[in-house]
PDB file of N, CA and C in Angstrom:
ATOM      1  N   MET A   1     -22.738 -57.938 272.139  1.00  0.00           N
ATOM      2  CA  MET A   1     -23.335 -57.576 273.330  1.00  0.00           C
ATOM      3  C   MET A   1     -22.153 -57.711 274.658  1.00  0.00           C
ATOM      4  N   ASP A   2     -22.606 -56.675 275.412  1.00  0.00           N
ATOM      5  CA  ASP A   2     -21.611 -56.577 276.615  1.00  0.00           C
ATOM      6  C   ASP A   2     -21.767 -58.058 277.321  1.00  0.00           C
ATOM      7  N   PRO A   3     -20.589 -59.058 277.384  1.00  0.00           N
ATOM      8  CA  PRO A   3     -21.122 -60.322 278.015  1.00  0.00           C
ATOM      9  C   PRO A   3     -21.246 -60.096 279.286  1.00  0.00           C
ATOM     10  N   LYS A   4     -21.226 -59.172 280.114  1.00  0.00           N
ATOM     11  CA  LYS A   4     -22.025 -59.147 281.524  1.00  0.00           C
ATOM     12  C   LYS A   4     -23.262 -58.879 281.463  1.00  0.00           C
ATOM     13  N   LEU A   5     -23.734 -58.535 280.487  1.00  0.00           N
ATOM     14  CA  LEU A   5     -25.394 -58.192 280.439  1.00  0.00           C
ATOM     15  C   LEU A   5     -26.039 -59.109 279.279  1.00  0.00           C
ATOM     16  N   SER A   6     -25.352 -60.293 278.949  1.00  0.00           N
ATOM     17  CA  SER A   6     -25.773 -61.226 278.003  1.00  0.00           C
ATOM     18  C   SER A   6     -26.852 -61.950 278.499  1.00  0.00           C
ATOM     19  N   SER A   7     -27.076 -62.273 279.707  1.00  0.00           N
ATOM     20  CA  SER A   7     -28.208 -62.920 280.312  1.00  0.00           C
ATOM     21  C   SER A   7     -29.637 -62.147 280.494  1.00  0.00           C
ATOM     22  N   LEU A   8     -29.533 -60.860 280.220  1.00  0.00           N
ATOM     23  CA  LEU A   8     -30.765 -60.114 280.318  1.00  0.00           C
ATOM     24  C   LEU A   8     -31.595 -60.318 279.657  1.00  0.00           C
ATOM     25  N   THR A   9     -33.011 -60.560 279.901  1.00  0.00           N
ATOM     26  CA  THR A   9     -34.174 -60.841 279.019  1.00  0.00           C
ATOM     27  C   THR A   9     -34.263 -59.496 278.112  1.00  0.00           C
ATOM     28  N   VAL A  10     -35.242 -59.650 276.981  1.00  0.00           N
ATOM     29  CA  VAL A  10     -35.498 -58.521 276.034  1.00  0.00           C
ATOM     30  C   VAL A  10     -35.937 -57.406 276.876  1.00  0.00           C
ATOM     31  N   GLU A  11     -36.965 -57.852 277.724  1.00  0.00           N
ATOM     32  CA  GLU A  11     -37.710 -56.837 278.551  1.00  0.00           C
ATOM     33  C   GLU A  11     -36.847 -56.001 279.515  1.00  0.00           C
ATOM     34  N   GLN A  12     -35.806 -56.600 279.879  1.00  0.00           N
ATOM     35  CA  GLN A  12     -34.997 -56.080 281.001  1.00  0.00           C
ATOM     36  C   GLN A  12     -34.048 -55.239 280.168  1.00  0.00           C
ATOM     37  N   LEU A  13     -33.528 -55.737 279.041  1.00  0.00           N
ATOM     38  CA  LEU A  13     -32.612 -54.736 278.053  1.00  0.00           C
ATOM     39  C   LEU A  13     -33.456 -53.431 277.666  1.00  0.00           C
ATOM     40  N   GLN A  14     -34.680 -53.560 277.365  1.00  0.00           N
ATOM     41  CA  GLN A  14     -35.435 -52.453 277.044  1.00  0.00           C
ATOM     42  C   GLN A  14     -35.783 -51.443 278.147  1.00  0.00           C
ATOM     43  N   MET A  15     -35.932 -51.991 279.267  1.00  0.00           N
ATOM     44  CA  MET A  15     -36.348 -51.272 280.334  1.00  0.00           C
ATOM     45  C   MET A  15     -34.727 -50.319 280.817  1.00  0.00           C
ATOM     46  N   VAL A  16     -33.869 -51.167 280.630  1.00  0.00           N
ATOM     47  CA  VAL A  16     -32.459 -50.616 281.125  1.00  0.00           C
ATOM     48  C   VAL A  16     -32.169 -49.473 280.129  1.00  0.00           C
ATOM     49  N   GLU A  17     -32.370 -49.777 278.875  1.00  0.00           N
ATOM     50  CA  GLU A  17     -32.021 -48.607 277.774  1.00  0.00           C
ATOM     51  C   GLU A  17     -32.800 -47.552 277.734  1.00  0.00           C
ATOM     52  N   GLU A  18     -34.138 -47.788 278.137  1.00  0.00           N
ATOM     53  CA  GLU A  18     -35.071 -46.546 278.177  1.00  0.00           C
ATOM     54  C   GLU A  18     -34.701 -45.946 279.422  1.00  0.00           C
ATOM     55  N   GLN A  19     -34.291 -46.419 280.402  1.00  0.00           N
ATOM     56  CA  GLN A  19     -34.001 -45.637 281.821  1.00  0.00           C
ATOM     57  C   GLN A  19     -32.740 -44.952 281.613  1.00  0.00           C
ATOM     58  N   LEU A  20     -31.686 -45.657 280.898  1.00  0.00           N
ATOM     59  CA  LEU A  20     -30.239 -44.855 280.669  1.00  0.00           C
ATOM     60  C   LEU A  20     -30.572 -43.595 279.772  1.00  0.00           C
ATOM     61  N   SER A  21     -31.495 -43.935 278.741  1.00  0.00           N
ATOM     62  CA  SER A  21     -31.790 -42.821 277.873  1.00  0.00           C
ATOM     63  C   SER A  21     -32.590 -41.649 278.405  1.00  0.00           C
ATOM     64  N   ARG A  22     -33.501 -41.761 279.294  1.00  0.00           N
ATOM     65  CA  ARG A  22     -34.250 -40.799 279.838  1.00  0.00           C
ATOM     66  C   ARG A  22     -34.199 -40.270 281.146  1.00  0.00           C
ATOM     67  N   ASP A  23     -33.780 -40.938 281.964  1.00  0.00           N
ATOM     68  CA  ASP A  23     -33.778 -40.634 283.519  1.00  0.00           C
ATOM     69  C   ASP A  23     -32.360 -39.828 283.878  1.00  0.00           C
ATOM     70  N   SER A  24     -32.527 -38.497 283.729  1.00  0.00           N
ATOM     71  CA  SER A  24     -31.169 -37.809 284.126  1.00  0.00           C
ATOM     72  C   SER A  24     -31.508 -37.025 285.543  1.00  0.00           C
ATOM     73  N   SER A  25     -32.378 -37.304 285.921  1.00  0.00           N
ATOM     74  CA  SER A  25     -32.604 -36.899 287.486  1.00  0.00           C
ATOM     75  C   SER A  25     -32.095 -37.888 288.624  1.00  0.00           C
ATOM     76  N   SER A  26     -32.404 -39.019 288.307  1.00  0.00           N
ATOM     77  CA  SER A  26     -32.081 -40.164 289.378  1.00  0.00           C
ATOM     78  C   SER A  26     -30.388 -40.292 289.616  1.00  0.00           C
ATOM     79  N   THR A  27     -30.036 -40.422 290.684  1.00  0.00           N
ATOM     80  CA  THR A  27     -28.610 -40.773 290.957  1.00  0.00           C
ATOM     81  C   THR A  27     -28.387 -42.229 290.453  1.00  0.00           C
ATOM     82  N   ASN A  28     -26.990 -42.505 290.240  1.00  0.00           N
ATOM     83  CA  ASN A  28     -26.534 -43.835 289.924  1.00  0.00           C
ATOM     84  C   ASN A  28     -27.017 -44.901 291.166  1.00  0.00           C
ATOM     85  N   ILE A  29     -27.042 -44.563 292.359  1.00  0.00           N
ATOM     86  CA  ILE A  29     -27.453 -45.348 293.271  1.00  0.00           C
ATOM     87  C   ILE A  29     -28.971 -45.570 293.224  1.00  0.00           C
ATOM     88  N   GLU A  30     -29.632 -44.608 292.692  1.00  0.00           N
ATOM     89  CA  GLU A  30     -31.187 -45.021 292.706  1.00  0.00           C
ATOM     90  C   GLU A  30     -31.519 -45.755 291.634  1.00  0.00           C
ATOM     91  N   LEU A  31     -30.974 -45.513 290.509  1.00  0.00           N
ATOM     92  CA  LEU A  31     -31.009 -46.214 289.201  1.00  0.00           C
ATOM     93  C   LEU A  31     -30.491 -47.776 289.429  1.00  0.00           C
ATOM     94  N   GLN A  32     -29.378 -47.855 290.207  1.00  0.00           N
ATOM     95  CA  GLN A  32     -28.701 -49.288 290.289  1.00  0.00           C
ATOM     96  C   GLN A  32     -29.852 -49.936 291.010  1.00  0.00           C
ATOM     97  N   SER A  33     -30.391 -49.305 292.299  1.00  0.00           N
ATOM     98  CA  SER A  33     -31.293 -50.005 292.996  1.00  0.00           C
ATOM     99  C   SER A  33     -32.630 -50.517 292.201  1.00  0.00           C
ATOM    100  N   GLN A  34     -32.964 -49.612 291.395  1.00  0.00           N
ATOM    101  CA  GLN A  34     -34.126 -49.713 290.454  1.00  0.00           C
ATOM    102  C   GLN A  34     -34.015 -50.968 289.499  1.00  0.00           C
ATOM    103  N   PHE A  35     -32.797 -51.104 288.948  1.00  0.00           N
ATOM    104  CA  PHE A  35     -32.181 -52.125 288.040  1.00  0.00           C
ATOM    105  C   PHE A  35     -32.211 -53.450 288.921  1.00  0.00           C
ATOM    106  N   VAL A  36     -31.883 -53.505 290.157  1.00  0.00           N
ATOM    107  CA  VAL A  36     -31.771 -54.580 290.758  1.00  0.00           C
ATOM    108  C   VAL A  36     -33.250 -55.240 291.345  1.00  0.00           C
ATOM    109  N   GLN A  37     -34.127 -54.077 291.517  1.00  0.00           N
ATOM    110  CA  GLN A  37     -35.663 -54.443 291.864  1.00  0.00           C
ATOM    111  C   GLN A  37     -36.195 -55.137 290.483  1.00  0.00           C
ATOM    112  N   CYS A  38     -35.638 -54.739 289.610  1.00  0.00           N
ATOM    113  CA  CYS A  38     -36.108 -55.391 288.136  1.00  0.00           C
ATOM    114  C   CYS A  38     -35.501 -56.727 287.791  1.00  0.00           C
ATOM    115  N   GLY A  39     -34.664 -57.242 288.551  1.00  0.00           N
ATOM    116  CA  GLY A  39     -34.254 -58.484 288.374  1.00  0.00           C
ATOM    117  C   GLY A  39     -32.746 -58.578 287.896  1.00  0.00           C
ATOM    118  N   LEU A  40     -32.001 -57.501 287.717  1.00  0.00           N
ATOM    119  CA  LEU A  40     -30.604 -57.625 287.469  1.00  0.00           C
ATOM    120  C   LEU A  40     -29.918 -57.739 288.702  1.00  0.00           C
ATOM    121  N   THR A  41     -28.724 -58.501 288.437  1.00  0.00           N
ATOM    122  CA  THR A  41     -27.788 -58.762 289.766  1.00  0.00           C
ATOM    123  C   THR A  41     -27.172 -57.306 289.708  1.00  0.00           C
ATOM    124  N   PRO A  42     -26.640 -57.124 291.284  1.00  0.00           N
ATOM    125  CA  PRO A  42     -26.019 -55.984 291.715  1.00  0.00           C
ATOM    126  C   PRO A  42     -24.905 -55.611 290.555  1.00  0.00           C
ATOM    127  N   GLU A  43     -24.082 -56.823 290.160  1.00  0.00           N
ATOM    128  CA  GLU A  43     -22.827 -56.454 289.195  1.00  0.00           C
ATOM    129  C   GLU A  43     -23.472 -56.078 287.958  1.00  0.00           C
ATOM    130  N   GLN A  44     -24.540 -56.651 287.403  1.00  0.00           N
ATOM    131  CA  GLN A  44     -25.098 -56.275 286.066  1.00  0.00           C
ATOM    132  C   GLN A  44     -25.771 -54.660 286.137  1.00  0.00           C
ATOM    133  N   ALA A  45     -26.388 -54.391 287.292  1.00  0.00           N
ATOM    134  CA  ALA A  45     -26.770 -53.031 287.491  1.00  0.00           C
ATOM    135  C   ALA A  45     -25.521 -51.957 287.593  1.00  0.00           C
ATOM    136  N   GLU A  46     -24.409 -52.536 288.247  1.00  0.00           N
ATOM    137  CA  GLU A  46     -23.231 -51.487 288.262  1.00  0.00           C
ATOM    138  C   GLU A  46     -22.721 -51.528 286.785  1.00  0.00           C
ATOM    139  N   GLN A  47     -22.737 -52.585 286.146  1.00  0.00           N
ATOM    140  CA  GLN A  47     -22.168 -52.519 284.661  1.00  0.00           C
ATOM    141  C   GLN A  47     -22.884 -51.749 283.595  1.00  0.00           C
ATOM    142  N   VAL A  48     -24.110 -51.639 283.751  1.00  0.00           N
ATOM    143  CA  VAL A  48     -25.090 -51.063 283.186  1.00  0.00           C
ATOM    144  C   VAL A  48     -24.764 -49.343 283.209  1.00  0.00           C
ATOM    145  N   LEU A  49     -24.533 -48.956 284.326  1.00  0.00           N
ATOM    146  CA  LEU A  49     -24.455 -47.662 284.764  1.00  0.00           C
ATOM    147  C   LEU A  49     -23.150 -47.141 284.082  1.00  0.00           C
ATOM    148  N   ILE A  50     -22.141 -47.821 283.636  1.00  0.00           N
ATOM    149  CA  ILE A  50     -21.072 -47.484 282.718  1.00  0.00           C
ATOM    150  C   ILE A  50     -21.358 -46.914 281.415  1.00  0.00           C
ATOM    151  N   TYR A  51     -22.604 -47.119 280.948  1.00  0.00           N
ATOM    152  CA  TYR A  51     -22.992 -46.646 279.784  1.00  0.00           C
ATOM    153  C   TYR A  51     -23.891 -45.438 280.065  1.00  0.00           C
ATOM    154  N   ARG A  52     -24.344 -45.079 281.044  1.00  0.00           N
ATOM    155  CA  ARG A  52     -25.423 -43.864 281.281  1.00  0.00           C
ATOM    156  C   ARG A  52     -25.203 -42.682 280.549  1.00  0.00           C
ATOM    157  N   GLN A  53     -23.940 -42.242 280.530  1.00  0.00           N
ATOM    158  CA  GLN A  53     -23.556 -40.932 279.937  1.00  0.00           C
ATOM    159  C   GLN A  53     -23.768 -40.981 278.447  1.00  0.00           C
ATOM    160  N   LEU A  54     -23.256 -42.130 277.765  1.00  0.00           N
ATOM    161  CA  LEU A  54     -23.494 -42.276 276.351  1.00  0.00           C
ATOM    162  C   LEU A  54     -24.913 -42.379 275.986  1.00  0.00           C
ATOM    163  N   TYR A  55     -25.946 -42.843 276.617  1.00  0.00           N
ATOM    164  CA  TYR A  55     -27.222 -43.035 276.441  1.00  0.00           C
ATOM    165  C   TYR A  55     -27.951 -41.589 276.812  1.00  0.00           C
ATOM    166  N   LEU A  56     -27.530 -40.839 277.702  1.00  0.00           N
ATOM    167  CA  LEU A  56     -27.960 -39.546 277.685  1.00  0.00           C
ATOM    168  C   LEU A  56     -27.375 -38.341 276.880  1.00  0.00           C
ATOM    169  N   GLU A  57     -26.288 -38.697 276.177  1.00  0.00           N
ATOM    170  CA  GLU A  57     -25.947 -37.633 275.223  1.00  0.00           C
ATOM    171  C   GLU A  57     -26.121 -38.054 273.860  1.00  0.00           C
ATOM    172  N   HIS A  58     -26.592 -39.184 273.433  1.00  0.00           N
ATOM    173  CA  HIS A  58     -26.700 -39.638 272.045  1.00  0.00           C
ATOM    174  C   HIS A  58     -28.028 -40.401 271.863  1.00  0.00           C
ATOM    175  N   LEU A  59     -28.613 -40.127 270.603  1.00  0.00           N
ATOM    176  CA  LEU A  59     -29.814 -41.158 270.061  1.00  0.00           C
ATOM    177  C   LEU A  59     -29.117 -42.333 269.498  1.00  0.00           C
ATOM    178  N   TYR A  60     -29.511 -43.554 269.566  1.00  0.00           N
ATOM    179  CA  TYR A  60     -28.867 -44.698 268.765  1.00  0.00           C
ATOM    180  C   TYR A  60     -30.020 -45.400 267.948  1.00  0.00           C
ATOM    181  N   LEU A  61     -29.410 -45.945 266.881  1.00  0.00           N
ATOM    182  CA  LEU A  61     -30.272 -46.564 265.870  1.00  0.00           C
ATOM    183  C   LEU A  61     -30.940 -47.778 266.813  1.00  0.00           C
ATOM    184  N   ASP A  62     -32.037 -48.185 266.771  1.00  0.00           N
ATOM    185  CA  ASP A  62     -32.679 -49.347 267.489  1.00  0.00           C
ATOM    186  C   ASP A  62     -31.905 -50.620 267.112  1.00  0.00           C
ATOM    187  N   GLY A  63     -31.345 -51.233 268.234  1.00  0.00           N
ATOM    188  CA  GLY A  63     -30.820 -52.577 267.901  1.00  0.00           C
ATOM    189  C   GLY A  63     -29.323 -52.378 267.589  1.00  0.00           C
ATOM    190  N   HIS A  64     -28.734 -51.152 267.736  1.00  0.00           N
ATOM    191  CA  HIS A  64     -27.251 -50.924 267.471  1.00  0.00           C
ATOM    192  C   HIS A  64     -26.956 -49.815 268.583  1.00  0.00           C
ATOM    193  N   THR A  65     -27.191 -50.308 269.909  1.00  0.00           N
ATOM    194  CA  THR A  65     -26.797 -49.397 270.945  1.00  0.00           C
ATOM    195  C   THR A  65     -25.470 -49.889 271.511  1.00  0.00           C
ATOM    196  N   PRO A  66     -25.063 -49.037 272.498  1.00  0.00           N
ATOM    197  CA  PRO A  66     -23.401 -49.428 273.048  1.00  0.00           C
ATOM    198  C   PRO A  66     -23.495 -50.794 273.750  1.00  0.00           C
ATOM    199  N   ILE A  67     -24.705 -50.984 274.460  1.00  0.00           N
ATOM    200  CA  ILE A  67     -24.802 -52.311 275.272  1.00  0.00           C
ATOM    201  C   ILE A  67     -24.841 -53.448 274.312  1.00  0.00           C
ATOM    202  N   LEU A  68     -25.580 -53.356 273.183  1.00  0.00           N
ATOM    203  CA  LEU A  68     -25.801 -54.473 272.226  1.00  0.00           C
ATOM    204  C   LEU A  68     -24.359 -54.510 271.231  1.00  0.00           C
ATOM    205  N   LYS A  69     -23.855 -53.323 270.867  1.00  0.00           N
ATOM    206  CA  LYS A  69     -22.844 -53.399 269.738  1.00  0.00           C
ATOM    207  C   LYS A  69     -21.547 -52.763 270.265  1.00  0.00           C
ATOM    208  N   GLY A  70     -21.498 -52.339 271.337  1.00  0.00           N
ATOM    209  CA  GLY A  70     -20.102 -51.747 271.811  1.00  0.00           C
ATOM    210  C   GLY A  70     -19.698 -50.518 270.840  1.00  0.00           C
ATOM    211  N   GLU A  71     -18.544 -50.796 270.413  1.00  0.00           N
ATOM    212  CA  GLU A  71     -17.990 -49.548 269.442  1.00  0.00           C
ATOM    213  C   GLU A  71     -18.737 -49.585 268.146  1.00  0.00           C
ATOM    214  N   GLN A  72     -19.395 -50.605 267.845  1.00  0.00           N
ATOM    215  CA  GLN A  72     -20.120 -50.451 266.605  1.00  0.00           C
ATOM    216  C   GLN A  72     -21.472 -49.941 266.686  1.00  0.00           C
ATOM    217  N   ALA A  73     -21.726 -49.426 267.795  1.00  0.00           N
ATOM    218  CA  ALA A  73     -23.141 -48.762 267.766  1.00  0.00           C
ATOM    219  C   ALA A  73     -23.166 -47.695 266.708  1.00  0.00           C
ATOM    220  N   ILE A  74     -24.384 -47.595 266.260  1.00  0.00           N
ATOM    221  CA  ILE A  74     -24.753 -46.485 265.426  1.00  0.00           C
ATOM    222  C   ILE A  74     -25.603 -45.427 266.072  1.00  0.00           C
ATOM    223  N   ARG A  75     -24.918 -44.273 266.105  1.00  0.00           N
ATOM    224  CA  ARG A  75     -25.761 -43.110 266.663  1.00  0.00           C
ATOM    225  C   ARG A  75     -25.901 -42.035 265.731  1.00  0.00           C
ATOM    226  N   PHE A  76     -26.986 -41.180 266.157  1.00  0.00           N
ATOM    227  CA  PHE A  76     -27.502 -40.084 265.284  1.00  0.00           C
ATOM    228  C   PHE A  76     -26.668 -38.879 265.503  1.00  0.00           C
ATOM    229  N   ASN A  77     -26.235 -38.231 264.551  1.00  0.00           N
ATOM    230  CA  ASN A  77     -25.119 -36.935 264.586  1.00  0.00           C
ATOM    231  C   ASN A  77     -25.692 -35.937 263.871  1.00  0.00           C
ATOM    232  N   PRO A  78     -26.492 -35.067 264.480  1.00  0.00           N
ATOM    233  CA  PRO A  78     -26.945 -33.947 263.746  1.00  0.00           C
ATOM    234  C   PRO A  78     -25.958 -32.998 262.806  1.00  0.00           C
ATOM    235  N   ASN A  79     -24.756 -33.029 263.175  1.00  0.00           N
ATOM    236  CA  ASN A  79     -23.672 -32.139 262.781  1.00  0.00           C
ATOM    237  C   ASN A  79     -23.072 -32.776 261.470  1.00  0.00           C
ATOM    238  N   ARG A  80     -23.109 -34.063 261.277  1.00  0.00           N
ATOM    239  CA  ARG A  80     -22.413 -34.804 260.108  1.00  0.00           C
ATOM    240  C   ARG A  80     -23.633 -35.584 259.507  1.00  0.00           C
ATOM    241  N   GLN A  81     -23.274 -36.614 259.140  1.00  0.00           N
ATOM    242  CA  GLN A  81     -24.234 -37.455 258.167  1.00  0.00           C
ATOM    243  C   GLN A  81     -25.385 -37.966 259.400  1.00  0.00           C
ATOM    244  N   PRO A  82     -26.490 -38.414 258.965  1.00  0.00           N
ATOM    245  CA  PRO A  82     -27.471 -38.611 259.846  1.00  0.00           C
ATOM    246  C   PRO A  82     -27.262 -39.651 260.888  1.00  0.00           C
ATOM    247  N   LEU A  83     -26.479 -40.681 260.306  1.00  0.00           N
ATOM    248  CA  LEU A  83     -26.134 -41.939 261.378  1.00  0.00           C
ATOM    249  C   LEU A  83     -24.430 -41.930 261.061  1.00  0.00           C
ATOM    250  N   GLU A  84     -23.835 -42.399 262.357  1.00  0.00           N
ATOM    251  CA  GLU A  84     -22.580 -42.758 262.232  1.00  0.00           C
ATOM    252  C   GLU A  84     -22.207 -43.660 263.259  1.00  0.00           C
ATOM    253  N   LEU A  85     -21.081 -44.331 263.021  1.00  0.00           N
ATOM    254  CA  LEU A  85     -20.558 -45.554 263.823  1.00  0.00           C
ATOM    255  C   LEU A  85     -20.076 -44.677 265.212  1.00  0.00           C
ATOM    256  N   MET A  86     -20.233 -45.143 266.056  1.00  0.00           N
ATOM    257  CA  MET A  86     -19.721 -44.727 267.691  1.00  0.00           C
ATOM    258  C   MET A  86     -18.244 -44.972 267.787  1.00  0.00           C
ATOM    259  N   THR A  87     -17.394 -44.551 266.896  1.00  0.00           N
ATOM    260  CA  THR A  87     -15.904 -44.995 267.088  1.00  0.00           C
ATOM    261  C   THR A  87     -14.922 -43.780 267.862  1.00  0.00           C
ATOM    262  N   GLY A  88     -15.841 -42.836 268.581  1.00  0.00           N
ATOM    263  CA  GLY A  88     -15.284 -42.013 269.071  1.00  0.00           C
ATOM    264  C   GLY A  88     -15.791 -41.146 270.112  1.00  0.00           C
TER     265      GLY A  88
END
């Protein structure tokens, strides 16, 4: 897990990953404000946004997301095999 986000609760992590995956219309500033309102520190909210594009572009196996697994995240790839490591 990303060390800067290791103190997030399960509920906070679920909320963050859901927002990163689904909210393509809010600005980064709006999302950062929302994350802080939900209990993240400003630094954690900023760190979370580093992952935004990855979550918008790919579907990940539950529990194997970039925040949790880094480069060992497992994503769905419809052009190759169904699931692949996120090594690139």
